[in-house]
Amino acid sequence: MAALETATLGQLATMLAMERTTLLRNLAPLRRAGYIEGGGKAPLMLTSEGRELLSTAGAAWRDAQQAVTKRLGASRAGLLLQALTTLAGP
């Protein structure tokens, strides 16, 4: 999945299935750390530091998925992913 470069608060809240106010509170530390900018009526954007962190996190996430697949086996890892997708809803 490709990361979005910019999104409105509403778009991001919808993608994450979160209320806007909860999302706004959760984004505050990222804004203070300099990983995102914008908000309100302006689109949220990753800063260069935010893009770097996202890249690092993406690599760590792929490593974690590979470790789970290795431990469970491809078939059971697939079933787990299907179950989690079902729980997340449409």
PDB file of N, CA and C in Angstrom:
ATOM      1  N   MET A   1       0.846  -1.175   0.000  1.00  0.00           N
ATOM      2  CA  MET A   1       0.000   0.000   0.000  1.00  0.00           C
ATOM      3  C   MET A   1       0.888   1.234   0.000  1.00  0.00           C
ATOM      4  N   ALA A   2       0.656   2.121  -0.905  1.00  0.00           N
ATOM      5  CA  ALA A   2       1.436   3.346  -0.988  1.00  0.00           C
ATOM      6  C   ALA A   2       0.920   4.351   0.035  1.00  0.00           C
ATOM      7  N   ALA A   3       1.821   5.077   0.618  1.00  0.00           N
ATOM      8  CA  ALA A   3       1.447   6.089   1.599  1.00  0.00           C
ATOM      9  C   ALA A   3       0.956   7.341   0.884  1.00  0.00           C
ATOM     10  N   LEU A   4      -0.013   7.992   1.465  1.00  0.00           N
ATOM     11  CA  LEU A   4      -0.484   9.262   0.934  1.00  0.00           C
ATOM     12  C   LEU A   4       0.491  10.351   1.336  1.00  0.00           C
ATOM     13  N   GLU A   5       0.716  11.276   0.446  1.00  0.00           N
ATOM     14  CA  GLU A   5       1.562  12.426   0.794  1.00  0.00           C
ATOM     15  C   GLU A   5       0.763  13.462   1.577  1.00  0.00           C
ATOM     16  N   THR A   6      -0.498  13.669   1.207  1.00  0.00           N
ATOM     17  CA  THR A   6      -1.342  14.622   1.919  1.00  0.00           C
ATOM     18  C   THR A   6      -2.745  14.045   2.056  1.00  0.00           C
ATOM     19  N   ALA A   7      -3.447  14.457   3.074  1.00  0.00           N
ATOM     20  CA  ALA A   7      -4.845  14.067   3.282  1.00  0.00           C
ATOM     21  C   ALA A   7      -5.471  15.096   4.210  1.00  0.00           C
ATOM     22  N   THR A   8      -6.766  15.308   4.046  1.00  0.00           N
ATOM     23  CA  THR A   8      -7.462  16.163   5.003  1.00  0.00           C
ATOM     24  C   THR A   8      -7.691  15.358   6.275  1.00  0.00           C
ATOM     25  N   LEU A   9      -7.977  16.046   7.334  1.00  0.00           N
ATOM     26  CA  LEU A   9      -8.252  15.379   8.601  1.00  0.00           C
ATOM     27  C   LEU A   9      -9.435  14.427   8.438  1.00  0.00           C
ATOM     28  N   GLY A  10     -10.464  14.864   7.718  1.00  0.00           N
ATOM     29  CA  GLY A  10     -11.638  14.025   7.487  1.00  0.00           C
ATOM     30  C   GLY A  10     -11.310  12.768   6.697  1.00  0.00           C
ATOM     31  N   GLN A  11     -10.495  12.914   5.648  1.00  0.00           N
ATOM     32  CA  GLN A  11     -10.105  11.750   4.846  1.00  0.00           C
ATOM     33  C   GLN A  11      -9.326  10.746   5.689  1.00  0.00           C
ATOM     34  N   LEU A  12      -8.392  11.251   6.469  1.00  0.00           N
ATOM     35  CA  LEU A  12      -7.579  10.375   7.308  1.00  0.00           C
ATOM     36  C   LEU A  12      -8.434   9.692   8.366  1.00  0.00           C
ATOM     37  N   ALA A  13      -9.357  10.421   8.968  1.00  0.00           N
ATOM     38  CA  ALA A  13     -10.245   9.843   9.977  1.00  0.00           C
ATOM     39  C   ALA A  13     -11.076   8.719   9.366  1.00  0.00           C
ATOM     40  N   THR A  14     -11.569   8.918   8.161  1.00  0.00           N
ATOM     41  CA  THR A  14     -12.353   7.889   7.485  1.00  0.00           C
ATOM     42  C   THR A  14     -11.500   6.665   7.184  1.00  0.00           C
ATOM     43  N   MET A  15     -10.292   6.880   6.661  1.00  0.00           N
ATOM     44  CA  MET A  15      -9.408   5.750   6.339  1.00  0.00           C
ATOM     45  C   MET A  15      -9.064   4.936   7.576  1.00  0.00           C
ATOM     46  N   LEU A  16      -8.917   5.604   8.717  1.00  0.00           N
ATOM     47  CA  LEU A  16      -8.530   4.930   9.954  1.00  0.00           C
ATOM     48  C   LEU A  16      -9.727   4.510  10.806  1.00  0.00           C
ATOM     49  N   ALA A  17     -10.940   4.819  10.337  1.00  0.00           N
ATOM     50  CA  ALA A  17     -12.174   4.507  11.075  1.00  0.00           C
ATOM     51  C   ALA A  17     -12.124   5.100  12.483  1.00  0.00           C
ATOM     52  N   MET A  18     -11.759   6.392  12.543  1.00  0.00           N
ATOM     53  CA  MET A  18     -11.657   7.087  13.827  1.00  0.00           C
ATOM     54  C   MET A  18     -12.503   8.352  13.788  1.00  0.00           C
ATOM     55  N   GLU A  19     -12.908   8.809  14.943  1.00  0.00           N
ATOM     56  CA  GLU A  19     -13.560  10.100  15.030  1.00  0.00           C
ATOM     57  C   GLU A  19     -12.509  11.190  14.832  1.00  0.00           C
ATOM     58  N   ARG A  20     -12.911  12.288  14.209  1.00  0.00           N
ATOM     59  CA  ARG A  20     -11.972  13.379  13.917  1.00  0.00           C
ATOM     60  C   ARG A  20     -11.322  13.923  15.177  1.00  0.00           C
ATOM     61  N   THR A  21     -12.096  14.075  16.257  1.00  0.00           N
ATOM     62  CA  THR A  21     -11.522  14.654  17.481  1.00  0.00           C
ATOM     63  C   THR A  21     -10.480  13.726  18.097  1.00  0.00           C
ATOM     64  N   THR A  22     -10.735  12.424  18.054  1.00  0.00           N
ATOM     65  CA  THR A  22      -9.770  11.448  18.564  1.00  0.00           C
ATOM     66  C   THR A  22      -8.508  11.487  17.721  1.00  0.00           C
ATOM     67  N   LEU A  23      -8.693  11.527  16.409  1.00  0.00           N
ATOM     68  CA  LEU A  23      -7.544  11.585  15.509  1.00  0.00           C
ATOM     69  C   LEU A  23      -6.730  12.847  15.762  1.00  0.00           C
ATOM     70  N   LEU A  24      -7.397  13.965  15.922  1.00  0.00           N
ATOM     71  CA  LEU A  24      -6.703  15.234  16.163  1.00  0.00           C
ATOM     72  C   LEU A  24      -5.846  15.157  17.423  1.00  0.00           C
ATOM     73  N   ARG A  25      -6.387  14.578  18.492  1.00  0.00           N
ATOM     74  CA  ARG A  25      -5.611  14.405  19.731  1.00  0.00           C
ATOM     75  C   ARG A  25      -4.427  13.472  19.504  1.00  0.00           C
ATOM     76  N   ASN A  26      -4.654  12.390  18.745  1.00  0.00           N
ATOM     77  CA  ASN A  26      -3.579  11.424  18.506  1.00  0.00           C
ATOM     78  C   ASN A  26      -2.491  11.971  17.594  1.00  0.00           C
ATOM     79  N   LEU A  27      -2.820  12.937  16.756  1.00  0.00           N
ATOM     80  CA  LEU A  27      -1.832  13.525  15.856  1.00  0.00           C
ATOM     81  C   LEU A  27      -0.983  14.604  16.534  1.00  0.00           C
ATOM     82  N   ALA A  28      -1.445  15.123  17.656  1.00  0.00           N
ATOM     83  CA  ALA A  28      -0.741  16.224  18.323  1.00  0.00           C
ATOM     84  C   ALA A  28       0.730  15.898  18.606  1.00  0.00           C
ATOM     85  N   PRO A  29       1.058  14.718  19.152  1.00  0.00           N
ATOM     86  CA  PRO A  29       2.488  14.431  19.389  1.00  0.00           C
ATOM     87  C   PRO A  29       3.299  14.369  18.092  1.00  0.00           C
ATOM     88  N   LEU A  30       2.691  13.886  17.006  1.00  0.00           N
ATOM     89  CA  LEU A  30       3.398  13.832  15.715  1.00  0.00           C
ATOM     90  C   LEU A  30       3.669  15.235  15.185  1.00  0.00           C
ATOM     91  N   ARG A  31       2.710  16.123  15.401  1.00  0.00           N
ATOM     92  CA  ARG A  31       2.893  17.511  14.981  1.00  0.00           C
ATOM     93  C   ARG A  31       3.990  18.172  15.819  1.00  0.00           C
ATOM     94  N   ARG A  32       3.945  17.955  17.142  1.00  0.00           N
ATOM     95  CA  ARG A  32       4.969  18.544  18.015  1.00  0.00           C
ATOM     96  C   ARG A  32       6.364  18.022  17.679  1.00  0.00           C
ATOM     97  N   ALA A  33       6.455  16.756  17.282  1.00  0.00           N
ATOM     98  CA  ALA A  33       7.746  16.154  16.944  1.00  0.00           C
ATOM     99  C   ALA A  33       8.238  16.578  15.559  1.00  0.00           C
ATOM    100  N   GLY A  34       7.371  17.264  14.807  1.00  0.00           N
ATOM    101  CA  GLY A  34       7.773  17.736  13.488  1.00  0.00           C
ATOM    102  C   GLY A  34       7.601  16.724  12.368  1.00  0.00           C
ATOM    103  N   TYR A  35       6.776  15.685  12.585  1.00  0.00           N
ATOM    104  CA  TYR A  35       6.570  14.669  11.563  1.00  0.00           C
ATOM    105  C   TYR A  35       5.438  15.019  10.600  1.00  0.00           C
ATOM    106  N   ILE A  36       4.495  15.851  11.043  1.00  0.00           N
ATOM    107  CA  ILE A  36       3.400  16.288  10.181  1.00  0.00           C
ATOM    108  C   ILE A  36       3.206  17.784  10.336  1.00  0.00           C
ATOM    109  N   GLU A  37       2.572  18.361   9.338  1.00  0.00           N
ATOM    110  CA  GLU A  37       2.188  19.770   9.419  1.00  0.00           C
ATOM    111  C   GLU A  37       0.834  19.916   8.758  1.00  0.00           C
ATOM    112  N   GLY A  38       0.204  21.039   8.989  1.00  0.00           N
ATOM    113  CA  GLY A  38      -1.124  21.285   8.438  1.00  0.00           C
ATOM    114  C   GLY A  38      -2.189  20.901   9.424  1.00  0.00           C
ATOM    115  N   GLY A  39      -3.389  20.703   8.919  1.00  0.00           N
ATOM    116  CA  GLY A  39      -4.531  20.379   9.756  1.00  0.00           C
ATOM    117  C   GLY A  39      -5.546  21.491   9.694  1.00  0.00           C
ATOM    118  N   GLY A  40      -6.646  21.325  10.365  1.00  0.00           N
ATOM    119  CA  GLY A  40      -7.728  22.283  10.245  1.00  0.00           C
ATOM    120  C   GLY A  40      -8.260  22.229   8.828  1.00  0.00           C
ATOM    121  N   LYS A  41      -8.254  23.367   8.147  1.00  0.00           N
ATOM    122  CA  LYS A  41      -8.708  23.391   6.752  1.00  0.00           C
ATOM    123  C   LYS A  41      -7.590  23.028   5.786  1.00  0.00           C
ATOM    124  N   ALA A  42      -6.343  23.139   6.232  1.00  0.00           N
ATOM    125  CA  ALA A  42      -5.205  22.787   5.383  1.00  0.00           C
ATOM    126  C   ALA A  42      -4.994  21.276   5.423  1.00  0.00           C
ATOM    127  N   PRO A  43      -4.571  20.708   4.301  1.00  0.00           N
ATOM    128  CA  PRO A  43      -4.307  19.259   4.323  1.00  0.00           C
ATOM    129  C   PRO A  43      -3.155  18.919   5.255  1.00  0.00           C
ATOM    130  N   LEU A  44      -3.242  17.746   5.852  1.00  0.00           N
ATOM    131  CA  LEU A  44      -2.138  17.228   6.653  1.00  0.00           C
ATOM    132  C   LEU A  44      -1.061  16.732   5.696  1.00  0.00           C
ATOM    133  N   MET A  45       0.178  17.022   6.011  1.00  0.00           N
ATOM    134  CA  MET A  45       1.277  16.597   5.156  1.00  0.00           C
ATOM    135  C   MET A  45       2.398  16.056   6.022  1.00  0.00           C
ATOM    136  N   LEU A  46       3.056  15.028   5.505  1.00  0.00           N
ATOM    137  CA  LEU A  46       4.258  14.535   6.164  1.00  0.00           C
ATOM    138  C   LEU A  46       5.400  15.494   5.875  1.00  0.00           C
ATOM    139  N   THR A  47       6.198  15.781   6.870  1.00  0.00           N
ATOM    140  CA  THR A  47       7.424  16.541   6.671  1.00  0.00           C
ATOM    141  C   THR A  47       8.490  15.577   6.160  1.00  0.00           C
ATOM    142  N   SER A  48       9.643  16.089   5.822  1.00  0.00           N
ATOM    143  CA  SER A  48      10.716  15.189   5.383  1.00  0.00           C
ATOM    144  C   SER A  48      11.089  14.221   6.503  1.00  0.00           C
ATOM    145  N   GLU A  49      11.065  14.705   7.749  1.00  0.00           N
ATOM    146  CA  GLU A  49      11.337  13.833   8.887  1.00  0.00           C
ATOM    147  C   GLU A  49      10.247  12.764   9.013  1.00  0.00           C
ATOM    148  N   GLY A  50       9.008  13.154   8.744  1.00  0.00           N
ATOM    149  CA  GLY A  50       7.895  12.213   8.797  1.00  0.00           C
ATOM    150  C   GLY A  50       8.001  11.142   7.725  1.00  0.00           C
ATOM    151  N   ARG A  51       8.403  11.540   6.524  1.00  0.00           N
ATOM    152  CA  ARG A  51       8.589  10.560   5.442  1.00  0.00           C
ATOM    153  C   ARG A  51       9.710   9.582   5.785  1.00  0.00           C
ATOM    154  N   GLU A  52      10.773  10.081   6.377  1.00  0.00           N
ATOM    155  CA  GLU A  52      11.887   9.213   6.778  1.00  0.00           C
ATOM    156  C   GLU A  52      11.433   8.217   7.845  1.00  0.00           C
ATOM    157  N   LEU A  53      10.687   8.706   8.837  1.00  0.00           N
ATOM    158  CA  LEU A  53      10.177   7.827   9.887  1.00  0.00           C
ATOM    159  C   LEU A  53       9.223   6.792   9.312  1.00  0.00           C
ATOM    160  N   LEU A  54       8.360   7.199   8.383  1.00  0.00           N
ATOM    161  CA  LEU A  54       7.423   6.272   7.752  1.00  0.00           C
ATOM    162  C   LEU A  54       8.171   5.176   6.997  1.00  0.00           C
ATOM    163  N   SER A  55       9.231   5.545   6.327  1.00  0.00           N
ATOM    164  CA  SER A  55      10.037   4.561   5.607  1.00  0.00           C
ATOM    165  C   SER A  55      10.650   3.546   6.573  1.00  0.00           C
ATOM    166  N   THR A  56      11.192   4.037   7.669  1.00  0.00           N
ATOM    167  CA  THR A  56      11.779   3.163   8.680  1.00  0.00           C
ATOM    168  C   THR A  56      10.714   2.254   9.297  1.00  0.00           C
ATOM    169  N   ALA A  57       9.560   2.826   9.602  1.00  0.00           N
ATOM    170  CA  ALA A  57       8.476   2.040  10.196  1.00  0.00           C
ATOM    171  C   ALA A  57       7.969   0.995   9.212  1.00  0.00           C
ATOM    172  N   GLY A  58       7.898   1.363   7.926  1.00  0.00           N
ATOM    173  CA  GLY A  58       7.448   0.407   6.916  1.00  0.00           C
ATOM    174  C   GLY A  58       8.366  -0.794   6.826  1.00  0.00           C
ATOM    175  N   ALA A  59       9.662  -0.562   6.891  1.00  0.00           N
ATOM    176  CA  ALA A  59      10.627  -1.657   6.855  1.00  0.00           C
ATOM    177  C   ALA A  59      10.466  -2.552   8.095  1.00  0.00           C
ATOM    178  N   ALA A  60      10.279  -1.937   9.256  1.00  0.00           N
ATOM    179  CA  ALA A  60      10.092  -2.710  10.487  1.00  0.00           C
ATOM    180  C   ALA A  60       8.790  -3.519  10.420  1.00  0.00           C
ATOM    181  N   TRP A  61       7.743  -2.932   9.839  1.00  0.00           N
ATOM    182  CA  TRP A  61       6.458  -3.630   9.703  1.00  0.00           C
ATOM    183  C   TRP A  61       6.600  -4.845   8.785  1.00  0.00           C
ATOM    184  N   ARG A  62       7.306  -4.690   7.674  1.00  0.00           N
ATOM    185  CA  ARG A  62       7.530  -5.817   6.765  1.00  0.00           C
ATOM    186  C   ARG A  62       8.328  -6.926   7.462  1.00  0.00           C
ATOM    187  N   ASP A  63       9.325  -6.546   8.239  1.00  0.00           N
ATOM    188  CA  ASP A  63      10.111  -7.526   8.993  1.00  0.00           C
ATOM    189  C   ASP A  63       9.220  -8.287   9.983  1.00  0.00           C
ATOM    190  N   ALA A  64       8.333  -7.563  10.654  1.00  0.00           N
ATOM    191  CA  ALA A  64       7.431  -8.192  11.624  1.00  0.00           C
ATOM    192  C   ALA A  64       6.466  -9.147  10.924  1.00  0.00           C
ATOM    193  N   GLN A  65       5.940  -8.742   9.774  1.00  0.00           N
ATOM    194  CA  GLN A  65       5.039  -9.623   9.025  1.00  0.00           C
ATOM    195  C   GLN A  65       5.766 -10.889   8.581  1.00  0.00           C
ATOM    196  N   GLN A  66       6.991 -10.751   8.131  1.00  0.00           N
ATOM    197  CA  GLN A  66       7.766 -11.916   7.712  1.00  0.00           C
ATOM    198  C   GLN A  66       8.027 -12.854   8.891  1.00  0.00           C
ATOM    199  N   ALA A  67       8.294 -12.287  10.060  1.00  0.00           N
ATOM    200  CA  ALA A  67       8.536 -13.105  11.252  1.00  0.00           C
ATOM    201  C   ALA A  67       7.276 -13.875  11.649  1.00  0.00           C
ATOM    202  N   VAL A  68       6.121 -13.218  11.582  1.00  0.00           N
ATOM    203  CA  VAL A  68       4.863 -13.895  11.915  1.00  0.00           C
ATOM    204  C   VAL A  68       4.586 -15.000  10.903  1.00  0.00           C
ATOM    205  N   THR A  69       4.790 -14.714   9.623  1.00  0.00           N
ATOM    206  CA  THR A  69       4.565 -15.720   8.583  1.00  0.00           C
ATOM    207  C   THR A  69       5.492 -16.916   8.771  1.00  0.00           C
ATOM    208  N   LYS A  70       6.734 -16.649   9.122  1.00  0.00           N
ATOM    209  CA  LYS A  70       7.689 -17.732   9.357  1.00  0.00           C
ATOM    210  C   LYS A  70       7.259 -18.585  10.554  1.00  0.00           C
ATOM    211  N   ARG A  71       6.794 -17.918  11.598  1.00  0.00           N
ATOM    212  CA  ARG A  71       6.417 -18.652  12.816  1.00  0.00           C
ATOM    213  C   ARG A  71       5.122 -19.430  12.646  1.00  0.00           C
ATOM    214  N   LEU A  72       4.125 -18.831  11.969  1.00  0.00           N
ATOM    215  CA  LEU A  72       2.830 -19.484  11.817  1.00  0.00           C
ATOM    216  C   LEU A  72       2.744 -20.365  10.575  1.00  0.00           C
ATOM    217  N   GLY A  73       3.557 -20.045   9.595  1.00  0.00           N
ATOM    218  CA  GLY A  73       3.412 -20.683   8.292  1.00  0.00           C
ATOM    219  C   GLY A  73       2.499 -19.816   7.436  1.00  0.00           C
ATOM    220  N   ALA A  74       2.695 -19.896   6.130  1.00  0.00           N
ATOM    221  CA  ALA A  74       1.969 -19.006   5.215  1.00  0.00           C
ATOM    222  C   ALA A  74       0.458 -19.193   5.303  1.00  0.00           C
ATOM    223  N   SER A  75       0.008 -20.425   5.417  1.00  0.00           N
ATOM    224  CA  SER A  75      -1.429 -20.699   5.441  1.00  0.00           C
ATOM    225  C   SER A  75      -2.102 -20.098   6.679  1.00  0.00           C
ATOM    226  N   ARG A  76      -1.536 -20.359   7.852  1.00  0.00           N
ATOM    227  CA  ARG A  76      -2.137 -19.816   9.082  1.00  0.00           C
ATOM    228  C   ARG A  76      -1.984 -18.303   9.162  1.00  0.00           C
ATOM    229  N   ALA A  77      -0.881 -17.762   8.668  1.00  0.00           N
ATOM    230  CA  ALA A  77      -0.715 -16.303   8.644  1.00  0.00           C
ATOM    231  C   ALA A  77      -1.777 -15.679   7.742  1.00  0.00           C
ATOM    232  N   GLY A  78      -2.068 -16.333   6.628  1.00  0.00           N
ATOM    233  CA  GLY A  78      -3.126 -15.850   5.732  1.00  0.00           C
ATOM    234  C   GLY A  78      -4.483 -15.856   6.409  1.00  0.00           C
ATOM    235  N   LEU A  79      -4.765 -16.932   7.159  1.00  0.00           N
ATOM    236  CA  LEU A  79      -6.038 -17.000   7.889  1.00  0.00           C
ATOM    237  C   LEU A  79      -6.129 -15.899   8.937  1.00  0.00           C
ATOM    238  N   LEU A  80      -5.025 -15.627   9.611  1.00  0.00           N
ATOM    239  CA  LEU A  80      -4.989 -14.554  10.600  1.00  0.00           C
ATOM    240  C   LEU A  80      -5.271 -13.210   9.942  1.00  0.00           C
ATOM    241  N   LEU A  81      -4.664 -12.959   8.815  1.00  0.00           N
ATOM    242  CA  LEU A  81      -4.881 -11.702   8.095  1.00  0.00           C
ATOM    243  C   LEU A  81      -6.336 -11.580   7.669  1.00  0.00           C
ATOM    244  N   GLN A  82      -6.929 -12.671   7.186  1.00  0.00           N
ATOM    245  CA  GLN A  82      -8.348 -12.639   6.798  1.00  0.00           C
ATOM    246  C   GLN A  82      -9.235 -12.317   8.001  1.00  0.00           C
ATOM    247  N   ALA A  83      -8.943 -12.932   9.145  1.00  0.00           N
ATOM    248  CA  ALA A  83      -9.733 -12.682  10.356  1.00  0.00           C
ATOM    249  C   ALA A  83      -9.614 -11.230  10.795  1.00  0.00           C
ATOM    250  N   LEU A  84      -8.398 -10.699  10.760  1.00  0.00           N
ATOM    251  CA  LEU A  84      -8.197  -9.302  11.165  1.00  0.00           C
ATOM    252  C   LEU A  84      -8.886  -8.339  10.201  1.00  0.00           C
ATOM    253  N   THR A  85      -8.856  -8.670   8.911  1.00  0.00           N
ATOM    254  CA  THR A  85      -9.532  -7.836   7.913  1.00  0.00           C
ATOM    255  C   THR A  85     -11.038  -7.837   8.174  1.00  0.00           C
ATOM    256  N   THR A  86     -11.583  -8.994   8.506  1.00  0.00           N
ATOM    257  CA  THR A  86     -13.001  -9.097   8.813  1.00  0.00           C
ATOM    258  C   THR A  86     -13.354  -8.259  10.051  1.00  0.00           C
ATOM    259  N   LEU A  87     -12.518  -8.328  11.066  1.00  0.00           N
ATOM    260  CA  LEU A  87     -12.757  -7.551  12.278  1.00  0.00           C
ATOM    261  C   LEU A  87     -12.709  -6.050  12.014  1.00  0.00           C
ATOM    262  N   ALA A  88     -11.818  -5.624  11.118  1.00  0.00           N
ATOM    263  CA  ALA A  88     -11.682  -4.198  10.811  1.00  0.00           C
ATOM    264  C   ALA A  88     -12.904  -3.672  10.068  1.00  0.00           C
ATOM    265  N   GLY A  89     -13.610  -4.550   9.379  1.00  0.00           N
ATOM    266  CA  GLY A  89     -14.812  -4.141   8.661  1.00  0.00           C
ATOM    267  C   GLY A  89     -14.488  -3.531   7.311  1.00  0.00           C
ATOM    268  N   PRO A  90     -15.537  -3.084   6.632  1.00  0.00           N
ATOM    269  CA  PRO A  90     -15.359  -2.561   5.266  1.00  0.00           C
ATOM    270  C   PRO A  90     -14.577  -1.276   5.191  1.00  0.00           C
TER     271      PRO A  90
END
